[in-house]
Amino acid sequence: MGSVPEEIALGFGGLVGDLREVYESGRTWDLEWRHSQLRGLVRLLEEKEEDIFDVLREDLGKHRAESFRDEVGVLKKSVVDKLQNLRNWAAPEKASSA
């Protein structure tokens, strides 16, 4: 694997700082915010699917079907699963009386 170009690596610091700021603001606790982020990820995958397939073909020689099966489809299914289960996972649990 090659190293990350310096101009890209330098941009990560700002991105990490921005993400940390959002987390520390408490915004990520809101379930609707989480849902909107997950829906945005599904939309991104759908809108950029062809670009993703092209890059996987160019970089790794992956066929379109293989790219969907191993990359895009798996990620999309995982995100949809999170969307369907997020409210249950975030619901308060009753303490056991034992």
N, C-alpha and C. Protein backbone atom coordinates (compact mmCIF):
# COMPACT_ATOMS: atom_id res chain seq x y z
N MET A 1 0.83 -1.18 0.00
CA MET A 1 0.00 0.00 0.00
C MET A 1 0.88 1.24 0.00
N GLY A 2 0.46 2.23 -0.75
CA GLY A 2 1.20 3.48 -0.81
C GLY A 2 0.86 4.36 0.38
N SER A 3 1.69 5.37 0.58
CA SER A 3 1.42 6.29 1.67
C SER A 3 0.42 7.34 1.22
N VAL A 4 -0.20 7.98 2.18
CA VAL A 4 -1.18 9.02 1.91
C VAL A 4 -0.43 10.29 1.52
N PRO A 5 -0.82 10.93 0.41
CA PRO A 5 -0.15 12.18 0.02
C PRO A 5 -0.24 13.21 1.15
N GLU A 6 0.81 13.99 1.30
CA GLU A 6 0.91 14.94 2.41
C GLU A 6 -0.27 15.91 2.46
N GLU A 7 -0.70 16.41 1.30
CA GLU A 7 -1.80 17.39 1.31
C GLU A 7 -3.10 16.78 1.81
N ILE A 8 -3.28 15.49 1.57
CA ILE A 8 -4.47 14.81 2.09
C ILE A 8 -4.31 14.57 3.58
N ALA A 9 -3.14 14.10 3.99
CA ALA A 9 -2.88 13.82 5.40
C ALA A 9 -3.06 15.07 6.24
N LEU A 10 -2.61 16.21 5.75
CA LEU A 10 -2.75 17.46 6.50
C LEU A 10 -4.21 17.85 6.68
N GLY A 11 -5.06 17.50 5.73
CA GLY A 11 -6.48 17.81 5.84
C GLY A 11 -7.20 16.98 6.88
N PHE A 12 -6.64 15.82 7.24
CA PHE A 12 -7.29 14.95 8.22
C PHE A 12 -7.38 15.61 9.59
N GLY A 13 -6.38 16.39 9.96
CA GLY A 13 -6.39 17.05 11.26
C GLY A 13 -7.59 17.95 11.43
N GLY A 14 -7.90 18.73 10.40
CA GLY A 14 -9.06 19.61 10.45
C GLY A 14 -10.36 18.83 10.49
N LEU A 15 -10.41 17.76 9.72
CA LEU A 15 -11.61 16.92 9.68
C LEU A 15 -11.85 16.27 11.04
N VAL A 16 -10.80 15.74 11.63
CA VAL A 16 -10.93 15.12 12.95
C VAL A 16 -11.38 16.16 13.98
N GLY A 17 -10.83 17.35 13.90
CA GLY A 17 -11.23 18.42 14.80
C GLY A 17 -12.71 18.77 14.65
N ASP A 18 -13.16 18.86 13.40
CA ASP A 18 -14.58 19.15 13.14
C ASP A 18 -15.47 18.05 13.70
N LEU A 19 -15.09 16.80 13.48
CA LEU A 19 -15.88 15.67 13.98
C LEU A 19 -15.91 15.65 15.50
N ARG A 20 -14.79 15.93 16.11
CA ARG A 20 -14.72 15.97 17.58
C ARG A 20 -15.63 17.07 18.13
N GLU A 21 -15.65 18.20 17.45
CA GLU A 21 -16.49 19.32 17.87
C GLU A 21 -17.97 18.93 17.82
N VAL A 22 -18.39 18.27 16.76
CA VAL A 22 -19.78 17.81 16.65
C VAL A 22 -20.10 16.84 17.78
N TYR A 23 -19.21 15.90 18.03
CA TYR A 23 -19.45 14.92 19.10
C TYR A 23 -19.55 15.60 20.46
N GLU A 24 -18.62 16.50 20.74
CA GLU A 24 -18.60 17.16 22.04
C GLU A 24 -19.78 18.11 22.24
N SER A 25 -20.41 18.54 21.15
CA SER A 25 -21.58 19.41 21.27
C SER A 25 -22.80 18.65 21.78
N GLY A 26 -22.76 17.31 21.72
CA GLY A 26 -23.89 16.50 22.15
C GLY A 26 -24.90 16.22 21.05
N ARG A 27 -24.67 16.78 19.88
CA ARG A 27 -25.61 16.61 18.77
C ARG A 27 -25.79 15.15 18.39
N THR A 28 -24.76 14.35 18.56
CA THR A 28 -24.83 12.95 18.13
C THR A 28 -25.73 12.10 19.02
N TRP A 29 -26.16 12.62 20.15
CA TRP A 29 -27.07 11.87 21.02
C TRP A 29 -28.49 11.84 20.46
N ASP A 30 -28.84 12.83 19.66
CA ASP A 30 -30.19 12.94 19.11
C ASP A 30 -30.43 11.84 18.08
N LEU A 31 -31.46 11.03 18.29
CA LEU A 31 -31.73 9.91 17.38
C LEU A 31 -32.10 10.39 15.98
N GLU A 32 -32.83 11.49 15.88
CA GLU A 32 -33.19 11.98 14.55
C GLU A 32 -31.94 12.41 13.79
N TRP A 33 -30.98 13.01 14.48
CA TRP A 33 -29.71 13.38 13.84
C TRP A 33 -29.00 12.14 13.34
N ARG A 34 -28.97 11.09 14.16
CA ARG A 34 -28.32 9.84 13.75
C ARG A 34 -29.02 9.25 12.53
N HIS A 35 -30.36 9.26 12.57
CA HIS A 35 -31.12 8.74 11.42
C HIS A 35 -30.79 9.54 10.16
N SER A 36 -30.73 10.86 10.29
CA SER A 36 -30.45 11.69 9.10
C SER A 36 -29.06 11.39 8.55
N GLN A 37 -28.09 11.15 9.41
CA GLN A 37 -26.74 10.82 8.95
C GLN A 37 -26.72 9.48 8.23
N LEU A 38 -27.42 8.50 8.77
CA LEU A 38 -27.48 7.18 8.13
C LEU A 38 -28.22 7.24 6.81
N ARG A 39 -29.34 7.99 6.77
CA ARG A 39 -30.07 8.14 5.50
C ARG A 39 -29.19 8.84 4.47
N GLY A 40 -28.40 9.81 4.91
CA GLY A 40 -27.48 10.49 4.01
C GLY A 40 -26.43 9.55 3.45
N LEU A 41 -25.98 8.61 4.26
CA LEU A 41 -24.99 7.64 3.79
C LEU A 41 -25.60 6.71 2.74
N VAL A 42 -26.84 6.28 2.96
CA VAL A 42 -27.53 5.45 1.96
C VAL A 42 -27.68 6.24 0.66
N ARG A 43 -28.09 7.50 0.77
CA ARG A 43 -28.26 8.35 -0.42
C ARG A 43 -26.93 8.52 -1.16
N LEU A 44 -25.86 8.75 -0.42
CA LEU A 44 -24.53 8.88 -1.02
C LEU A 44 -24.15 7.61 -1.78
N LEU A 45 -24.36 6.46 -1.17
CA LEU A 45 -24.05 5.19 -1.83
C LEU A 45 -24.85 5.02 -3.11
N GLU A 46 -26.12 5.42 -3.07
CA GLU A 46 -26.97 5.29 -4.26
C GLU A 46 -26.55 6.27 -5.35
N GLU A 47 -26.28 7.51 -4.96
CA GLU A 47 -25.93 8.54 -5.95
C GLU A 47 -24.54 8.31 -6.55
N LYS A 48 -23.63 7.77 -5.79
CA LYS A 48 -22.24 7.61 -6.24
C LYS A 48 -21.89 6.17 -6.57
N GLU A 49 -22.88 5.31 -6.65
CA GLU A 49 -22.64 3.89 -6.88
C GLU A 49 -21.78 3.64 -8.12
N GLU A 50 -22.11 4.27 -9.22
CA GLU A 50 -21.34 4.07 -10.46
C GLU A 50 -19.90 4.54 -10.31
N ASP A 51 -19.70 5.67 -9.63
CA ASP A 51 -18.35 6.16 -9.39
C ASP A 51 -17.56 5.18 -8.53
N ILE A 52 -18.21 4.63 -7.52
CA ILE A 52 -17.55 3.66 -6.65
C ILE A 52 -17.16 2.42 -7.45
N PHE A 53 -18.08 1.94 -8.29
CA PHE A 53 -17.78 0.78 -9.13
C PHE A 53 -16.59 1.07 -10.04
N ASP A 54 -16.57 2.27 -10.63
CA ASP A 54 -15.47 2.64 -11.54
C ASP A 54 -14.13 2.64 -10.81
N VAL A 55 -14.10 3.22 -9.62
CA VAL A 55 -12.85 3.29 -8.86
C VAL A 55 -12.39 1.90 -8.43
N LEU A 56 -13.32 1.07 -8.00
CA LEU A 56 -12.95 -0.29 -7.60
C LEU A 56 -12.43 -1.10 -8.79
N ARG A 57 -12.99 -0.84 -9.97
CA ARG A 57 -12.49 -1.51 -11.17
C ARG A 57 -11.09 -1.01 -11.51
N GLU A 58 -10.90 0.31 -11.49
CA GLU A 58 -9.60 0.89 -11.84
C GLU A 58 -8.51 0.52 -10.83
N ASP A 59 -8.83 0.61 -9.54
CA ASP A 59 -7.82 0.38 -8.51
C ASP A 59 -7.58 -1.09 -8.21
N LEU A 60 -8.65 -1.88 -8.19
CA LEU A 60 -8.52 -3.27 -7.74
C LEU A 60 -8.90 -4.30 -8.79
N GLY A 61 -9.35 -3.83 -9.96
CA GLY A 61 -9.75 -4.75 -11.01
C GLY A 61 -11.03 -5.50 -10.70
N LYS A 62 -11.87 -4.94 -9.82
CA LYS A 62 -13.10 -5.63 -9.44
C LYS A 62 -14.19 -5.43 -10.48
N HIS A 63 -14.88 -6.50 -10.78
CA HIS A 63 -16.05 -6.46 -11.66
C HIS A 63 -17.19 -5.78 -10.90
N ARG A 64 -18.09 -5.19 -11.64
CA ARG A 64 -19.23 -4.47 -11.06
C ARG A 64 -20.02 -5.35 -10.07
N ALA A 65 -20.31 -6.58 -10.47
CA ALA A 65 -21.09 -7.47 -9.59
C ALA A 65 -20.31 -7.78 -8.31
N GLU A 66 -19.02 -7.99 -8.45
CA GLU A 66 -18.18 -8.26 -7.29
C GLU A 66 -18.12 -7.04 -6.38
N SER A 67 -18.04 -5.86 -6.97
CA SER A 67 -18.01 -4.62 -6.19
C SER A 67 -19.29 -4.44 -5.40
N PHE A 68 -20.42 -4.75 -6.03
CA PHE A 68 -21.69 -4.62 -5.32
C PHE A 68 -21.77 -5.65 -4.20
N ARG A 69 -21.45 -6.89 -4.52
CA ARG A 69 -21.56 -7.99 -3.56
C ARG A 69 -20.65 -7.77 -2.35
N ASP A 70 -19.41 -7.36 -2.59
CA ASP A 70 -18.42 -7.29 -1.53
C ASP A 70 -18.28 -5.92 -0.87
N GLU A 71 -18.71 -4.89 -1.53
CA GLU A 71 -18.45 -3.54 -1.02
C GLU A 71 -19.74 -2.75 -0.82
N VAL A 72 -20.33 -2.28 -1.90
CA VAL A 72 -21.47 -1.37 -1.83
C VAL A 72 -22.68 -2.04 -1.20
N GLY A 73 -23.02 -3.23 -1.67
CA GLY A 73 -24.20 -3.93 -1.15
C GLY A 73 -24.08 -4.25 0.33
N VAL A 74 -22.91 -4.69 0.75
CA VAL A 74 -22.68 -5.02 2.16
C VAL A 74 -22.83 -3.78 3.03
N LEU A 75 -22.22 -2.68 2.60
CA LEU A 75 -22.29 -1.45 3.38
C LEU A 75 -23.72 -0.92 3.43
N LYS A 76 -24.39 -0.92 2.29
CA LYS A 76 -25.77 -0.42 2.25
C LYS A 76 -26.68 -1.27 3.15
N LYS A 77 -26.53 -2.58 3.09
CA LYS A 77 -27.34 -3.46 3.93
C LYS A 77 -27.07 -3.20 5.41
N SER A 78 -25.82 -2.98 5.75
CA SER A 78 -25.45 -2.70 7.13
C SER A 78 -26.07 -1.39 7.62
N VAL A 79 -26.03 -0.36 6.79
CA VAL A 79 -26.59 0.93 7.18
C VAL A 79 -28.11 0.83 7.31
N VAL A 80 -28.77 0.15 6.39
CA VAL A 80 -30.23 -0.03 6.47
C VAL A 80 -30.58 -0.78 7.75
N ASP A 81 -29.79 -1.78 8.11
CA ASP A 81 -30.01 -2.52 9.36
C ASP A 81 -29.92 -1.57 10.56
N LYS A 82 -28.94 -0.68 10.55
CA LYS A 82 -28.79 0.28 11.64
C LYS A 82 -30.00 1.21 11.70
N LEU A 83 -30.48 1.65 10.54
CA LEU A 83 -31.66 2.51 10.50
C LEU A 83 -32.88 1.81 11.10
N GLN A 84 -33.04 0.54 10.80
CA GLN A 84 -34.20 -0.20 11.27
C GLN A 84 -34.13 -0.52 12.76
N ASN A 85 -32.95 -0.58 13.32
CA ASN A 85 -32.79 -1.01 14.71
C ASN A 85 -32.36 0.07 15.69
N LEU A 86 -32.03 1.25 15.20
CA LEU A 86 -31.46 2.28 16.05
C LEU A 86 -32.34 2.62 17.24
N ARG A 87 -33.63 2.81 17.02
CA ARG A 87 -34.53 3.18 18.12
C ARG A 87 -34.57 2.09 19.20
N ASN A 88 -34.61 0.83 18.79
CA ASN A 88 -34.61 -0.26 19.77
C ASN A 88 -33.30 -0.29 20.55
N TRP A 89 -32.19 -0.10 19.86
CA TRP A 89 -30.90 -0.15 20.52
C TRP A 89 -30.73 1.01 21.50
N ALA A 90 -31.35 2.15 21.20
CA ALA A 90 -31.19 3.33 22.03
C ALA A 90 -32.23 3.42 23.14
N ALA A 91 -33.22 2.53 23.13
CA ALA A 91 -34.28 2.57 24.13
C ALA A 91 -33.70 2.22 25.51
N PRO A 92 -34.25 2.87 26.53
CA PRO A 92 -33.77 2.54 27.88
C PRO A 92 -34.10 1.09 28.23
N GLU A 93 -33.23 0.49 28.98
CA GLU A 93 -33.45 -0.89 29.43
C GLU A 93 -33.89 -0.87 30.88
N LYS A 94 -34.83 -1.73 31.21
CA LYS A 94 -35.27 -1.84 32.59
C LYS A 94 -34.21 -2.61 33.37
N ALA A 95 -33.93 -2.13 34.56
CA ALA A 95 -32.96 -2.82 35.41
C ALA A 95 -33.59 -4.10 35.94
N SER A 96 -32.78 -5.11 36.06
CA SER A 96 -33.31 -6.37 36.58
C SER A 96 -33.54 -6.24 38.08
N SER A 97 -34.54 -6.93 38.57
CA SER A 97 -34.88 -6.83 39.99
C SER A 97 -34.17 -7.90 40.81
N ALA A 98 -33.32 -8.66 40.18
CA ALA A 98 -32.65 -9.75 40.91
C ALA A 98 -31.49 -9.26 41.71
